[in-house]
Protein backbone atom coordinates (compact mmCIF):
# COMPACT_ATOMS: atom_id res chain seq x y z
CA MET A 1 154.61 124.44 16.71
CA GLY A 2 151.99 127.23 16.42
CA ASP A 3 152.48 130.92 16.93
CA LEU A 4 151.41 132.37 20.29
CA PHE A 5 148.61 134.47 18.76
CA ASP A 6 147.51 132.17 15.95
CA SER A 7 144.09 131.57 17.46
CA PRO A 8 141.53 133.98 18.97
CA TRP A 9 141.27 131.72 22.02
CA LYS A 10 144.94 132.26 22.93
CA ILE A 11 144.56 136.01 22.64
CA LEU A 12 141.40 135.84 24.88
CA ILE A 13 143.25 133.71 27.45
CA VAL A 14 146.23 136.15 27.49
CA ALA A 15 143.85 139.08 27.98
CA VAL A 16 141.97 137.47 30.79
CA VAL A 17 145.28 136.60 32.52
CA LEU A 18 146.46 140.16 32.23
CA ILE A 19 143.19 141.55 33.61
CA VAL A 20 143.39 139.16 36.51
CA LEU A 21 147.00 139.95 37.28
CA PHE A 22 146.91 143.66 37.01
CA GLY A 23 143.28 144.56 37.53
CA SER A 24 141.08 146.55 35.14
CA LYS A 25 141.96 149.87 36.76
CA LYS A 26 145.77 149.50 36.34
CA LEU A 27 145.77 148.21 32.78
CA PRO A 28 145.22 151.63 31.04
CA HIS A 29 148.04 153.13 33.12
CA ALA A 30 150.31 150.17 32.36
CA ALA A 31 149.54 150.40 28.61
CA ARG A 32 150.24 154.11 28.60
CA SER A 33 153.55 153.62 30.42
CA LEU A 34 154.50 150.89 28.00
CA GLY A 35 153.65 153.08 25.00
CA GLN A 36 155.69 155.93 26.36
CA SER A 37 158.63 153.59 27.02
CA MET A 38 158.38 152.29 23.42
CA ARG A 39 158.39 155.77 22.00
CA ILE A 40 161.44 156.72 24.05
CA LEU A 41 163.23 153.65 22.96
CA LYS A 42 162.36 154.28 19.28
CA ARG A 43 163.58 157.85 19.52
CA GLU A 44 166.90 156.72 21.12
CA VAL A 45 167.49 154.06 18.51
CA GLN A 46 166.85 156.64 15.74
CA GLY A 47 169.28 159.02 17.45
CA LEU A 48 171.91 156.35 17.56
CA HIS A 49 171.44 155.60 13.82
CA GLU A 50 171.66 159.34 13.05
CA ASP A 51 174.84 159.65 15.17
CA GLY A 52 176.31 156.63 13.37
CA ASP A 53 175.53 158.19 10.00
CA VAL A 54 177.10 161.56 10.96
CA ALA A 55 180.23 159.86 12.35
CA SER A 56 180.71 157.78 9.21
CA ILE A 57 180.48 160.83 6.81
CA PRO A 58 183.80 162.48 7.92
CA ALA A 59 185.55 159.08 7.81
CA GLU A 60 184.43 158.64 4.24
CA THR A 61 185.54 162.14 3.14
CA GLU A 62 188.98 161.53 4.64
CA GLN A 63 189.42 158.34 2.63
CA LEU A 64 188.45 160.17 -0.57
CA GLY A 65 190.78 163.13 0.02
């Protein structure tokens, strides 16, 4: 079974459906909102990884000492 975006026709059909559903005036705002949401999610995930790294450092030093 092929990938969703393996052909240019599928990409064109998806784009047309999005334009019809949301309208050409709302698409830039929707894309901007989606981009902001993705940036927030990325920052939060990085923060969780950093918190996990900081939390694991004292545990490792206790085991060594």
